[in-house]
């Protein structure tokens, strides 16, 4: 099983730092190359650059009055949720994500799975 993961291109886990303005302040975000690639895909679906996507995510967190301690960790979870939702068929492989914003997680639509770690017994 481990070769499934260890045979991945080592460039995927190389750390990359990018500068972005969030909340009017310049900051740096450090993520593995794999996550930057996923963020590029997410942003491209709505015609956003990665910087614009990060600003939008930060703005939406602020609007929802949700504070986070580690923005990089939040972004990694966003990438994981995006990939899991695509794999589950909750969102299509193409098209803007903003179309899913209000409906993708409604239990009535069959996509209520929390996509969080399962509790161990």
PDB file of N, CA and C in Angstrom:
ATOM      1  N   UNK A   1       0.819  -1.187   0.000  1.00  0.00           N
ATOM      2  CA  UNK A   1       0.000   0.000   0.000  1.00  0.00           C
ATOM      3  C   UNK A   1       0.867   1.257   0.000  1.00  0.00           C
ATOM      4  N   UNK A   2       1.928   1.274   0.751  1.00  0.00           N
ATOM      5  CA  UNK A   2       2.726   2.496   0.883  1.00  0.00           C
ATOM      6  C   UNK A   2       3.300   2.957  -0.450  1.00  0.00           C
ATOM      7  N   UNK A   3       3.595   2.026  -1.368  1.00  0.00           N
ATOM      8  CA  UNK A   3       4.167   2.437  -2.651  1.00  0.00           C
ATOM      9  C   UNK A   3       3.191   3.312  -3.444  1.00  0.00           C
ATOM     10  N   UNK A   4       1.907   3.176  -3.171  1.00  0.00           N
ATOM     11  CA  UNK A   4       0.915   4.038  -3.796  1.00  0.00           C
ATOM     12  C   UNK A   4       1.226   5.505  -3.494  1.00  0.00           C
ATOM     13  N   UNK A   5       1.720   5.762  -2.309  1.00  0.00           N
ATOM     14  CA  UNK A   5       2.029   7.127  -1.877  1.00  0.00           C
ATOM     15  C   UNK A   5       3.504   7.473  -2.060  1.00  0.00           C
ATOM     16  N   UNK A   6       4.383   6.546  -1.741  1.00  0.00           N
ATOM     17  CA  UNK A   6       5.813   6.838  -1.803  1.00  0.00           C
ATOM     18  C   UNK A   6       6.332   6.940  -3.229  1.00  0.00           C
ATOM     19  N   UNK A   7       5.575   6.436  -4.202  1.00  0.00           N
ATOM     20  CA  UNK A   7       6.020   6.527  -5.591  1.00  0.00           C
ATOM     21  C   UNK A   7       5.594   7.845  -6.249  1.00  0.00           C
ATOM     22  N   UNK A   8       4.936   8.708  -5.510  1.00  0.00           N
ATOM     23  CA  UNK A   8       4.523  10.013  -6.046  1.00  0.00           C
ATOM     24  C   UNK A   8       5.737  10.858  -6.382  1.00  0.00           C
ATOM     25  N   UNK A   9       5.560  11.771  -7.289  1.00  0.00           N
ATOM     26  CA  UNK A   9       6.616  12.700  -7.686  1.00  0.00           C
ATOM     27  C   UNK A   9       7.036  13.520  -6.469  1.00  0.00           C
ATOM     28  N   UNK A  10       8.314  13.469  -6.080  1.00  0.00           N
ATOM     29  CA  UNK A  10       8.779  14.221  -4.903  1.00  0.00           C
ATOM     30  C   UNK A  10       8.549  15.733  -5.010  1.00  0.00           C
ATOM     31  N   UNK A  11       8.419  16.246  -6.220  1.00  0.00           N
ATOM     32  CA  UNK A  11       8.152  17.677  -6.380  1.00  0.00           C
ATOM     33  C   UNK A  11       6.810  18.062  -5.759  1.00  0.00           C
ATOM     34  N   UNK A  12       5.895  17.107  -5.627  1.00  0.00           N
ATOM     35  CA  UNK A  12       4.575  17.398  -5.066  1.00  0.00           C
ATOM     36  C   UNK A  12       4.636  17.832  -3.607  1.00  0.00           C
ATOM     37  N   UNK A  13       5.607  17.356  -2.868  1.00  0.00           N
ATOM     38  CA  UNK A  13       5.669  17.727  -1.453  1.00  0.00           C
ATOM     39  C   UNK A  13       6.720  18.797  -1.159  1.00  0.00           C
ATOM     40  N   UNK A  14       7.294  19.376  -2.204  1.00  0.00           N
ATOM     41  CA  UNK A  14       8.227  20.479  -2.003  1.00  0.00           C
ATOM     42  C   UNK A  14       7.457  21.709  -1.529  1.00  0.00           C
ATOM     43  N   UNK A  15       7.974  22.348  -0.509  1.00  0.00           N
ATOM     44  CA  UNK A  15       7.317  23.536   0.043  1.00  0.00           C
ATOM     45  C   UNK A  15       7.539  24.735  -0.867  1.00  0.00           C
ATOM     46  N   UNK A  16       6.483  25.503  -1.034  1.00  0.00           N
ATOM     47  CA  UNK A  16       6.541  26.735  -1.806  1.00  0.00           C
ATOM     48  C   UNK A  16       5.881  27.837  -0.984  1.00  0.00           C
ATOM     49  N   UNK A  17       6.476  28.999  -1.002  1.00  0.00           N
ATOM     50  CA  UNK A  17       5.933  30.144  -0.290  1.00  0.00           C
ATOM     51  C   UNK A  17       5.465  31.173  -1.311  1.00  0.00           C
ATOM     52  N   UNK A  18       4.254  31.663  -1.096  1.00  0.00           N
ATOM     53  CA  UNK A  18       3.713  32.709  -1.967  1.00  0.00           C
ATOM     54  C   UNK A  18       3.254  33.866  -1.100  1.00  0.00           C
ATOM     55  N   UNK A  19       3.440  35.057  -1.641  1.00  0.00           N
ATOM     56  CA  UNK A  19       3.001  36.264  -0.944  1.00  0.00           C
ATOM     57  C   UNK A  19       1.614  36.640  -1.420  1.00  0.00           C
ATOM     58  N   UNK A  20       0.809  37.132  -0.481  1.00  0.00           N
ATOM     59  CA  UNK A  20      -0.562  37.539  -0.791  1.00  0.00           C
ATOM     60  C   UNK A  20      -0.968  38.630   0.184  1.00  0.00           C
ATOM     61  N   UNK A  21      -1.893  39.476  -0.238  1.00  0.00           N
ATOM     62  CA  UNK A  21      -2.454  40.509   0.644  1.00  0.00           C
ATOM     63  C   UNK A  21      -3.779  40.004   1.172  1.00  0.00           C
ATOM     64  N   UNK A  22      -3.861  39.808   2.469  1.00  0.00           N
ATOM     65  CA  UNK A  22      -5.089  39.366   3.127  1.00  0.00           C
ATOM     66  C   UNK A  22      -5.481  40.395   4.164  1.00  0.00           C
ATOM     67  N   UNK A  23      -6.691  40.860   4.088  1.00  0.00           N
ATOM     68  CA  UNK A  23      -7.153  41.852   5.048  1.00  0.00           C
ATOM     69  C   UNK A  23      -6.322  43.114   5.034  1.00  0.00           C
ATOM     70  N   UNK A  24      -5.818  43.471   3.850  1.00  0.00           N
ATOM     71  CA  UNK A  24      -5.030  44.688   3.719  1.00  0.00           C
ATOM     72  C   UNK A  24      -3.586  44.556   4.172  1.00  0.00           C
ATOM     73  N   UNK A  25      -3.189  43.352   4.574  1.00  0.00           N
ATOM     74  CA  UNK A  25      -1.812  43.146   5.042  1.00  0.00           C
ATOM     75  C   UNK A  25      -1.109  42.127   4.146  1.00  0.00           C
ATOM     76  N   UNK A  26       0.158  42.388   3.840  1.00  0.00           N
ATOM     77  CA  UNK A  26       0.950  41.425   3.083  1.00  0.00           C
ATOM     78  C   UNK A  26       1.355  40.292   4.008  1.00  0.00           C
ATOM     79  N   UNK A  27       1.234  39.077   3.511  1.00  0.00           N
ATOM     80  CA  UNK A  27       1.617  37.912   4.292  1.00  0.00           C
ATOM     81  C   UNK A  27       2.138  36.842   3.345  1.00  0.00           C
ATOM     82  N   UNK A  28       2.756  35.838   3.882  1.00  0.00           N
ATOM     83  CA  UNK A  28       3.239  34.716   3.094  1.00  0.00           C
ATOM     84  C   UNK A  28       2.501  33.462   3.518  1.00  0.00           C
ATOM     85  N   UNK A  29       2.214  32.624   2.541  1.00  0.00           N
ATOM     86  CA  UNK A  29       1.568  31.345   2.805  1.00  0.00           C
ATOM     87  C   UNK A  29       2.494  30.263   2.264  1.00  0.00           C
ATOM     88  N   UNK A  30       2.787  29.297   3.117  1.00  0.00           N
ATOM     89  CA  UNK A  30       3.715  28.213   2.763  1.00  0.00           C
ATOM     90  C   UNK A  30       2.936  26.903   2.708  1.00  0.00           C
ATOM     91  N   UNK A  31       2.911  26.300   1.515  1.00  0.00           N
ATOM     92  CA  UNK A  31       2.214  25.037   1.284  1.00  0.00           C
ATOM     93  C   UNK A  31       3.051  24.150   0.373  1.00  0.00           C
ATOM     94  N   UNK A  32       2.744  22.878   0.395  1.00  0.00           N
ATOM     95  CA  UNK A  32       3.361  21.945  -0.533  1.00  0.00           C
ATOM     96  C   UNK A  32       2.863  22.239  -1.942  1.00  0.00           C
ATOM     97  N   UNK A  33       3.695  21.949  -2.945  1.00  0.00           N
ATOM     98  CA  UNK A  33       3.353  22.216  -4.346  1.00  0.00           C
ATOM     99  C   UNK A  33       2.024  21.566  -4.737  1.00  0.00           C
ATOM    100  N   UNK A  34       1.756  20.381  -4.218  1.00  0.00           N
ATOM    101  CA  UNK A  34       0.498  19.690  -4.514  1.00  0.00           C
ATOM    102  C   UNK A  34      -0.703  20.565  -4.193  1.00  0.00           C
ATOM    103  N   UNK A  35      -0.688  21.215  -3.024  1.00  0.00           N
ATOM    104  CA  UNK A  35      -1.822  22.035  -2.612  1.00  0.00           C
ATOM    105  C   UNK A  35      -1.946  23.293  -3.461  1.00  0.00           C
ATOM    106  N   UNK A  36      -0.813  23.881  -3.871  1.00  0.00           N
ATOM    107  CA  UNK A  36      -0.891  25.048  -4.752  1.00  0.00           C
ATOM    108  C   UNK A  36      -1.546  24.660  -6.073  1.00  0.00           C
ATOM    109  N   UNK A  37      -1.251  23.467  -6.573  1.00  0.00           N
ATOM    110  CA  UNK A  37      -1.848  22.993  -7.819  1.00  0.00           C
ATOM    111  C   UNK A  37      -3.359  22.836  -7.668  1.00  0.00           C
ATOM    112  N   UNK A  38      -3.803  22.276  -6.541  1.00  0.00           N
ATOM    113  CA  UNK A  38      -5.237  22.110  -6.301  1.00  0.00           C
ATOM    114  C   UNK A  38      -5.898  23.484  -6.163  1.00  0.00           C
ATOM    115  N   UNK A  39      -5.263  24.412  -5.452  1.00  0.00           N
ATOM    116  CA  UNK A  39      -5.827  25.758  -5.309  1.00  0.00           C
ATOM    117  C   UNK A  39      -5.926  26.459  -6.663  1.00  0.00           C
ATOM    118  N   UNK A  40      -4.955  26.237  -7.533  1.00  0.00           N
ATOM    119  CA  UNK A  40      -5.023  26.804  -8.879  1.00  0.00           C
ATOM    120  C   UNK A  40      -6.244  26.262  -9.623  1.00  0.00           C
ATOM    121  N   UNK A  41      -6.499  24.967  -9.491  1.00  0.00           N
ATOM    122  CA  UNK A  41      -7.663  24.351 -10.135  1.00  0.00           C
ATOM    123  C   UNK A  41      -8.964  24.920  -9.569  1.00  0.00           C
ATOM    124  N   UNK A  42      -9.025  25.038  -8.252  1.00  0.00           N
ATOM    125  CA  UNK A  42     -10.232  25.574  -7.610  1.00  0.00           C
ATOM    126  C   UNK A  42     -10.488  26.998  -8.092  1.00  0.00           C
ATOM    127  N   UNK A  43      -9.469  27.830  -8.056  1.00  0.00           N
ATOM    128  CA  UNK A  43      -9.621  29.218  -8.489  1.00  0.00           C
ATOM    129  C   UNK A  43     -10.004  29.330  -9.954  1.00  0.00           C
ATOM    130  N   UNK A  44      -9.375  28.528 -10.800  1.00  0.00           N
ATOM    131  CA  UNK A  44      -9.636  28.594 -12.243  1.00  0.00           C
ATOM    132  C   UNK A  44     -11.093  28.299 -12.561  1.00  0.00           C
ATOM    133  N   UNK A  45     -11.722  27.469 -11.754  1.00  0.00           N
ATOM    134  CA  UNK A  45     -13.132  27.132 -12.005  1.00  0.00           C
ATOM    135  C   UNK A  45     -14.030  28.363 -11.935  1.00  0.00           C
ATOM    136  N   UNK A  46     -13.634  29.358 -11.138  1.00  0.00           N
ATOM    137  CA  UNK A  46     -14.417  30.588 -11.003  1.00  0.00           C
ATOM    138  C   UNK A  46     -13.687  31.794 -11.590  1.00  0.00           C
ATOM    139  N   UNK A  47     -12.671  31.536 -12.403  1.00  0.00           N
ATOM    140  CA  UNK A  47     -11.946  32.622 -13.048  1.00  0.00           C
ATOM    141  C   UNK A  47     -11.108  33.453 -12.101  1.00  0.00           C
ATOM    142  N   UNK A  48     -10.615  32.834 -11.021  1.00  0.00           N
ATOM    143  CA  UNK A  48      -9.817  33.542 -10.023  1.00  0.00           C
ATOM    144  C   UNK A  48      -8.371  33.064 -10.050  1.00  0.00           C
ATOM    145  N   UNK A  49      -7.456  33.991  -9.820  1.00  0.00           N
ATOM    146  CA  UNK A  49      -6.076  33.588  -9.577  1.00  0.00           C
ATOM    147  C   UNK A  49      -6.017  32.990  -8.173  1.00  0.00           C
ATOM    148  N   UNK A  50      -4.908  32.359  -7.837  1.00  0.00           N
ATOM    149  CA  UNK A  50      -4.771  31.801  -6.491  1.00  0.00           C
ATOM    150  C   UNK A  50      -4.843  32.921  -5.457  1.00  0.00           C
ATOM    151  N   UNK A  51      -4.205  34.040  -5.726  1.00  0.00           N
ATOM    152  CA  UNK A  51      -4.256  35.169  -4.782  1.00  0.00           C
ATOM    153  C   UNK A  51      -5.686  35.648  -4.586  1.00  0.00           C
ATOM    154  N   UNK A  52      -6.436  35.769  -5.669  1.00  0.00           N
ATOM    155  CA  UNK A  52      -7.832  36.190  -5.562  1.00  0.00           C
ATOM    156  C   UNK A  52      -8.657  35.167  -4.785  1.00  0.00           C
ATOM    157  N   UNK A  53      -8.392  33.875  -5.007  1.00  0.00           N
ATOM    158  CA  UNK A  53      -9.098  32.825  -4.274  1.00  0.00           C
ATOM    159  C   UNK A  53      -8.814  32.932  -2.786  1.00  0.00           C
ATOM    160  N   UNK A  54      -7.551  33.117  -2.408  1.00  0.00           N
ATOM    161  CA  UNK A  54      -7.199  33.214  -0.995  1.00  0.00           C
ATOM    162  C   UNK A  54      -7.864  34.419  -0.348  1.00  0.00           C
ATOM    163  N   UNK A  55      -7.908  35.535  -1.058  1.00  0.00           N
ATOM    164  CA  UNK A  55      -8.576  36.725  -0.533  1.00  0.00           C
ATOM    165  C   UNK A  55     -10.063  36.434  -0.347  1.00  0.00           C
ATOM    166  N   UNK A  56     -10.674  35.784  -1.325  1.00  0.00           N
ATOM    167  CA  UNK A  56     -12.103  35.468  -1.217  1.00  0.00           C
ATOM    168  C   UNK A  56     -12.360  34.543  -0.035  1.00  0.00           C
ATOM    169  N   UNK A  57     -11.535  33.520   0.141  1.00  0.00           N
ATOM    170  CA  UNK A  57     -11.716  32.609   1.273  1.00  0.00           C
ATOM    171  C   UNK A  57     -11.581  33.359   2.596  1.00  0.00           C
ATOM    172  N   UNK A  58     -10.577  34.215   2.699  1.00  0.00           N
ATOM    173  CA  UNK A  58     -10.379  35.006   3.919  1.00  0.00           C
ATOM    174  C   UNK A  58     -11.574  35.916   4.164  1.00  0.00           C
ATOM    175  N   UNK A  59     -12.054  36.568   3.105  1.00  0.00           N
ATOM    176  CA  UNK A  59     -13.215  37.452   3.239  1.00  0.00           C
ATOM    177  C   UNK A  59     -14.453  36.689   3.689  1.00  0.00           C
ATOM    178  N   UNK A  60     -14.659  35.488   3.126  1.00  0.00           N
ATOM    179  CA  UNK A  60     -15.825  34.690   3.498  1.00  0.00           C
ATOM    180  C   UNK A  60     -15.708  34.181   4.935  1.00  0.00           C
ATOM    181  N   UNK A  61     -14.495  33.855   5.367  1.00  0.00           N
ATOM    182  CA  UNK A  61     -14.292  33.478   6.777  1.00  0.00           C
ATOM    183  C   UNK A  61     -14.658  34.646   7.689  1.00  0.00           C
ATOM    184  N   UNK A  62     -14.200  35.829   7.333  1.00  0.00           N
ATOM    185  CA  UNK A  62     -14.498  37.017   8.141  1.00  0.00           C
ATOM    186  C   UNK A  62     -15.996  37.312   8.156  1.00  0.00           C
ATOM    187  N   UNK A  63     -16.635  37.215   6.982  1.00  0.00           N
ATOM    188  CA  UNK A  63     -18.073  37.487   6.893  1.00  0.00           C
ATOM    189  C   UNK A  63     -18.875  36.495   7.725  1.00  0.00           C
ATOM    190  N   UNK A  64     -18.378  35.263   7.829  1.00  0.00           N
ATOM    191  CA  UNK A  64     -19.062  34.227   8.614  1.00  0.00           C
ATOM    192  C   UNK A  64     -18.642  34.269  10.078  1.00  0.00           C
ATOM    193  N   UNK A  65     -17.807  35.253  10.422  1.00  0.00           N
ATOM    194  CA  UNK A  65     -17.305  35.405  11.793  1.00  0.00           C
ATOM    195  C   UNK A  65     -16.601  34.130  12.268  1.00  0.00           C
ATOM    196  N   UNK A  66     -15.782  33.560  11.376  1.00  0.00           N
ATOM    197  CA  UNK A  66     -15.039  32.342  11.692  1.00  0.00           C
ATOM    198  C   UNK A  66     -13.557  32.681  11.731  1.00  0.00           C
ATOM    199  N   UNK A  67     -12.991  32.638  12.877  1.00  0.00           N
ATOM    200  CA  UNK A  67     -11.562  32.895  13.030  1.00  0.00           C
ATOM    201  C   UNK A  67     -10.810  31.576  12.952  1.00  0.00           C
ATOM    202  N   UNK A  68      -9.645  31.607  12.329  1.00  0.00           N
ATOM    203  CA  UNK A  68      -8.804  30.412  12.277  1.00  0.00           C
ATOM    204  C   UNK A  68      -7.408  30.782  12.733  1.00  0.00           C
ATOM    205  N   UNK A  69      -6.743  29.830  13.345  1.00  0.00           N
ATOM    206  CA  UNK A  69      -5.389  30.063  13.844  1.00  0.00           C
ATOM    207  C   UNK A  69      -4.330  29.821  12.784  1.00  0.00           C
ATOM    208  N   UNK A  70      -4.614  28.919  11.840  1.00  0.00           N
ATOM    209  CA  UNK A  70      -3.601  28.523  10.872  1.00  0.00           C
ATOM    210  C   UNK A  70      -4.225  28.508   9.477  1.00  0.00           C
ATOM    211  N   UNK A  71      -4.006  29.570   8.718  1.00  0.00           N
ATOM    212  CA  UNK A  71      -4.609  29.702   7.393  1.00  0.00           C
ATOM    213  C   UNK A  71      -4.097  28.621   6.445  1.00  0.00           C
ATOM    214  N   UNK A  72      -2.818  28.262   6.535  1.00  0.00           N
ATOM    215  CA  UNK A  72      -2.262  27.213   5.669  1.00  0.00           C
ATOM    216  C   UNK A  72      -2.968  25.881   5.920  1.00  0.00           C
ATOM    217  N   UNK A  73      -3.232  25.556   7.167  1.00  0.00           N
ATOM    218  CA  UNK A  73      -3.958  24.323   7.477  1.00  0.00           C
ATOM    219  C   UNK A  73      -5.376  24.386   6.917  1.00  0.00           C
ATOM    220  N   UNK A  74      -6.011  25.537   7.059  1.00  0.00           N
ATOM    221  CA  UNK A  74      -7.349  25.729   6.487  1.00  0.00           C
ATOM    222  C   UNK A  74      -7.323  25.464   4.983  1.00  0.00           C
ATOM    223  N   UNK A  75      -6.304  25.982   4.288  1.00  0.00           N
ATOM    224  CA  UNK A  75      -6.216  25.793   2.846  1.00  0.00           C
ATOM    225  C   UNK A  75      -6.013  24.321   2.485  1.00  0.00           C
ATOM    226  N   UNK A  76      -5.216  23.607   3.274  1.00  0.00           N
ATOM    227  CA  UNK A  76      -5.028  22.173   3.020  1.00  0.00           C
ATOM    228  C   UNK A  76      -6.353  21.422   3.162  1.00  0.00           C
ATOM    229  N   UNK A  77      -7.131  21.776   4.187  1.00  0.00           N
ATOM    230  CA  UNK A  77      -8.443  21.141   4.380  1.00  0.00           C
ATOM    231  C   UNK A  77      -9.372  21.505   3.219  1.00  0.00           C
ATOM    232  N   UNK A  78      -9.344  22.753   2.763  1.00  0.00           N
ATOM    233  CA  UNK A  78     -10.151  23.152   1.603  1.00  0.00           C
ATOM    234  C   UNK A  78      -9.816  22.268   0.398  1.00  0.00           C
ATOM    235  N   UNK A  79      -8.540  22.053   0.156  1.00  0.00           N
ATOM    236  CA  UNK A  79      -8.116  21.213  -0.967  1.00  0.00           C
ATOM    237  C   UNK A  79      -8.618  19.780  -0.796  1.00  0.00           C
ATOM    238  N   UNK A  80      -8.474  19.250   0.397  1.00  0.00           N
ATOM    239  CA  UNK A  80      -8.938  17.887   0.665  1.00  0.00           C
ATOM    240  C   UNK A  80     -10.441  17.755   0.483  1.00  0.00           C
ATOM    241  N   UNK A  81     -11.181  18.726   0.990  1.00  0.00           N
ATOM    242  CA  UNK A  81     -12.646  18.698   0.844  1.00  0.00           C
ATOM    243  C   UNK A  81     -13.048  18.808  -0.623  1.00  0.00           C
ATOM    244  N   UNK A  82     -12.381  19.680  -1.356  1.00  0.00           N
ATOM    245  CA  UNK A  82     -12.666  19.829  -2.783  1.00  0.00           C
ATOM    246  C   UNK A  82     -12.451  18.498  -3.506  1.00  0.00           C
ATOM    247  N   UNK A  83     -11.315  17.862  -3.277  1.00  0.00           N
ATOM    248  CA  UNK A  83     -11.016  16.597  -3.948  1.00  0.00           C
ATOM    249  C   UNK A  83     -11.985  15.499  -3.524  1.00  0.00           C
ATOM    250  N   UNK A  84     -12.351  15.465  -2.242  1.00  0.00           N
ATOM    251  CA  UNK A  84     -13.298  14.459  -1.753  1.00  0.00           C
ATOM    252  C   UNK A  84     -14.689  14.688  -2.346  1.00  0.00           C
ATOM    253  N   UNK A  85     -15.113  15.943  -2.425  1.00  0.00           N
ATOM    254  CA  UNK A  85     -16.425  16.251  -3.007  1.00  0.00           C
ATOM    255  C   UNK A  85     -16.465  15.896  -4.492  1.00  0.00           C
ATOM    256  N   UNK A  86     -15.366  16.128  -5.179  1.00  0.00           N
ATOM    257  CA  UNK A  86     -15.300  15.723  -6.593  1.00  0.00           C
ATOM    258  C   UNK A  86     -15.365  14.212  -6.703  1.00  0.00           C
ATOM    259  N   UNK A  87     -14.620  13.512  -5.870  1.00  0.00           N
ATOM    260  CA  UNK A  87     -14.601  12.047  -5.917  1.00  0.00           C
ATOM    261  C   UNK A  87     -15.973  11.464  -5.593  1.00  0.00           C
ATOM    262  N   UNK A  88     -16.693  12.101  -4.679  1.00  0.00           N
ATOM    263  CA  UNK A  88     -18.031  11.642  -4.297  1.00  0.00           C
ATOM    264  C   UNK A  88     -19.099  12.013  -5.319  1.00  0.00           C
ATOM    265  N   UNK A  89     -18.758  12.865  -6.273  1.00  0.00           N
ATOM    266  CA  UNK A  89     -19.734  13.307  -7.256  1.00  0.00           C
ATOM    267  C   UNK A  89     -20.621  14.437  -6.761  1.00  0.00           C
ATOM    268  N   UNK A  90     -20.290  15.005  -5.600  1.00  0.00           N
ATOM    269  CA  UNK A  90     -21.081  16.111  -5.054  1.00  0.00           C
ATOM    270  C   UNK A  90     -20.893  17.380  -5.875  1.00  0.00           C
ATOM    271  N   UNK A  91     -19.749  17.500  -6.542  1.00  0.00           N
ATOM    272  CA  UNK A  91     -19.524  18.593  -7.485  1.00  0.00           C
ATOM    273  C   UNK A  91     -18.950  17.986  -8.761  1.00  0.00           C
ATOM    274  N   UNK A  92     -19.326  18.574  -9.879  1.00  0.00           N
ATOM    275  CA  UNK A  92     -18.877  18.083 -11.176  1.00  0.00           C
ATOM    276  C   UNK A  92     -17.408  18.422 -11.390  1.00  0.00           C
ATOM    277  N   UNK A  93     -16.810  17.746 -12.337  1.00  0.00           N
ATOM    278  CA  UNK A  93     -15.396  17.951 -12.631  1.00  0.00           C
ATOM    279  C   UNK A  93     -15.084  19.269 -13.298  1.00  0.00           C
ATOM    280  N   UNK A  94     -16.099  19.965 -13.799  1.00  0.00           N
ATOM    281  CA  UNK A  94     -15.879  21.241 -14.481  1.00  0.00           C
ATOM    282  C   UNK A  94     -16.948  22.242 -14.059  1.00  0.00           C
ATOM    283  N   UNK A  95     -16.704  23.507 -14.373  1.00  0.00           N
ATOM    284  CA  UNK A  95     -17.681  24.555 -14.107  1.00  0.00           C
ATOM    285  C   UNK A  95     -17.412  25.281 -12.811  1.00  0.00           C
ATOM    286  N   UNK A  96     -18.030  26.441 -12.656  1.00  0.00           N
ATOM    287  CA  UNK A  96     -17.794  27.280 -11.479  1.00  0.00           C
ATOM    288  C   UNK A  96     -18.263  26.613 -10.187  1.00  0.00           C
ATOM    289  N   UNK A  97     -17.481  26.791  -9.148  1.00  0.00           N
ATOM    290  CA  UNK A  97     -17.853  26.255  -7.834  1.00  0.00           C
ATOM    291  C   UNK A  97     -18.887  27.128  -7.150  1.00  0.00           C
ATOM    292  N   UNK A  98     -18.937  28.394  -7.495  1.00  0.00           N
ATOM    293  CA  UNK A  98     -19.907  29.279  -6.836  1.00  0.00           C
ATOM    294  C   UNK A  98     -21.331  28.766  -7.003  1.00  0.00           C
ATOM    295  N   UNK A  99     -21.586  27.972  -8.070  1.00  0.00           N
ATOM    296  CA  UNK A  99     -22.918  27.406  -8.281  1.00  0.00           C
ATOM    297  C   UNK A  99     -23.276  26.388  -7.200  1.00  0.00           C
ATOM    298  N   UNK A 100     -22.275  25.835  -6.536  1.00  0.00           N
ATOM    299  CA  UNK A 100     -22.502  24.823  -5.509  1.00  0.00           C
ATOM    300  C   UNK A 100     -22.539  25.410  -4.104  1.00  0.00           C
ATOM    301  N   UNK A 101     -22.170  26.646  -3.963  1.00  0.00           N
ATOM    302  CA  UNK A 101     -21.976  27.244  -2.637  1.00  0.00           C
ATOM    303  C   UNK A 101     -23.159  27.056  -1.707  1.00  0.00           C
ATOM    304  N   UNK A 102     -24.349  27.227  -2.203  1.00  0.00           N
ATOM    305  CA  UNK A 102     -25.528  27.162  -1.330  1.00  0.00           C
ATOM    306  C   UNK A 102     -26.132  25.771  -1.238  1.00  0.00           C
ATOM    307  N   UNK A 103     -25.804  24.884  -2.177  1.00  0.00           N
ATOM    308  CA  UNK A 103     -26.532  23.615  -2.227  1.00  0.00           C
ATOM    309  C   UNK A 103     -25.689  22.366  -2.072  1.00  0.00           C
ATOM    310  N   UNK A 104     -24.403  22.445  -2.212  1.00  0.00           N
ATOM    311  CA  UNK A 104     -23.576  21.231  -2.262  1.00  0.00           C
ATOM    312  C   UNK A 104     -23.618  20.415  -0.985  1.00  0.00           C
ATOM    313  N   UNK A 105     -23.965  21.017   0.141  1.00  0.00           N
ATOM    314  CA  UNK A 105     -23.887  20.293   1.404  1.00  0.00           C
ATOM    315  C   UNK A 105     -25.241  20.084   2.059  1.00  0.00           C
ATOM    316  N   UNK A 106     -26.310  20.350   1.338  1.00  0.00           N
ATOM    317  CA  UNK A 106     -27.639  20.166   1.911  1.00  0.00           C
ATOM    318  C   UNK A 106     -27.947  18.684   2.042  1.00  0.00           C
ATOM    319  N   UNK A 107     -28.392  18.238   3.227  1.00  0.00           N
ATOM    320  CA  UNK A 107     -28.708  16.823   3.400  1.00  0.00           C
ATOM    321  C   UNK A 107     -29.737  16.313   2.403  1.00  0.00           C
ATOM    322  N   UNK A 108     -30.691  17.147   2.014  1.00  0.00           N
ATOM    323  CA  UNK A 108     -31.739  16.711   1.091  1.00  0.00           C
ATOM    324  C   UNK A 108     -31.178  16.362  -0.282  1.00  0.00           C
ATOM    325  N   UNK A 109     -30.036  16.889  -0.602  1.00  0.00           N
ATOM    326  CA  UNK A 109     -29.431  16.619  -1.902  1.00  0.00           C
ATOM    327  C   UNK A 109     -28.525  15.393  -1.850  1.00  0.00           C
ATOM    328  N   UNK A 110     -28.382  14.787  -0.665  1.00  0.00           N
ATOM    329  CA  UNK A 110     -27.601  13.572  -0.557  1.00  0.00           C
ATOM    330  C   UNK A 110     -26.109  13.783  -0.411  1.00  0.00           C
ATOM    331  N   UNK A 111     -25.698  14.979  -0.056  1.00  0.00           N
ATOM    332  CA  UNK A 111     -24.274  15.260   0.045  1.00  0.00           C
ATOM    333  C   UNK A 111     -23.902  15.773   1.436  1.00  0.00           C
ATOM    334  N   UNK A 112     -24.476  15.171   2.444  1.00  0.00           N
ATOM    335  CA  UNK A 112     -24.278  15.683   3.795  1.00  0.00           C
ATOM    336  C   UNK A 112     -23.106  15.033   4.512  1.00  0.00           C
ATOM    337  N   UNK A 113     -22.439  14.079   3.873  1.00  0.00           N
ATOM    338  CA  UNK A 113     -21.312  13.430   4.527  1.00  0.00           C
ATOM    339  C   UNK A 113     -20.303  14.488   4.978  1.00  0.00           C
ATOM    340  N   UNK A 114     -19.876  14.453   6.222  1.00  0.00           N
ATOM    341  CA  UNK A 114     -19.068  15.540   6.767  1.00  0.00           C
ATOM    342  C   UNK A 114     -17.665  15.662   6.189  1.00  0.00           C
ATOM    343  N   UNK A 115     -17.140  14.637   5.570  1.00  0.00           N
ATOM    344  CA  UNK A 115     -15.797  14.660   5.029  1.00  0.00           C
ATOM    345  C   UNK A 115     -14.776  15.068   6.082  1.00  0.00           C
ATOM    346  N   UNK A 116     -14.933  14.508   7.244  1.00  0.00           N
ATOM    347  CA  UNK A 116     -14.028  14.756   8.368  1.00  0.00           C
ATOM    348  C   UNK A 116     -13.483  13.405   8.815  1.00  0.00           C
ATOM    349  N   UNK A 117     -12.398  13.407   9.553  1.00  0.00           N
ATOM    350  CA  UNK A 117     -11.852  12.137  10.030  1.00  0.00           C
ATOM    351  C   UNK A 117     -12.899  11.364  10.828  1.00  0.00           C
ATOM    352  N   UNK A 118     -12.903  10.076  10.640  1.00  0.00           N
ATOM    353  CA  UNK A 118     -13.818   9.226  11.376  1.00  0.00           C
ATOM    354  C   UNK A 118     -13.288   8.955  12.768  1.00  0.00           C
ATOM    355  N   UNK A 119     -14.166   8.903  13.728  1.00  0.00           N
ATOM    356  CA  UNK A 119     -13.757   8.583  15.099  1.00  0.00           C
ATOM    357  C   UNK A 119     -13.340   7.134  15.163  1.00  0.00           C
ATOM    358  N   UNK A 120     -12.312   6.875  15.926  1.00  0.00           N
ATOM    359  CA  UNK A 120     -11.861   5.507  16.114  1.00  0.00           C
ATOM    360  C   UNK A 120     -12.535   4.932  17.347  1.00  0.00           C
ATOM    361  N   UNK A 121     -12.719   3.636  17.329  1.00  0.00           N
ATOM    362  CA  UNK A 121     -13.374   2.979  18.461  1.00  0.00           C
ATOM    363  C   UNK A 121     -12.383   2.431  19.424  1.00  0.00           C
TER     364      UNK A 121
END
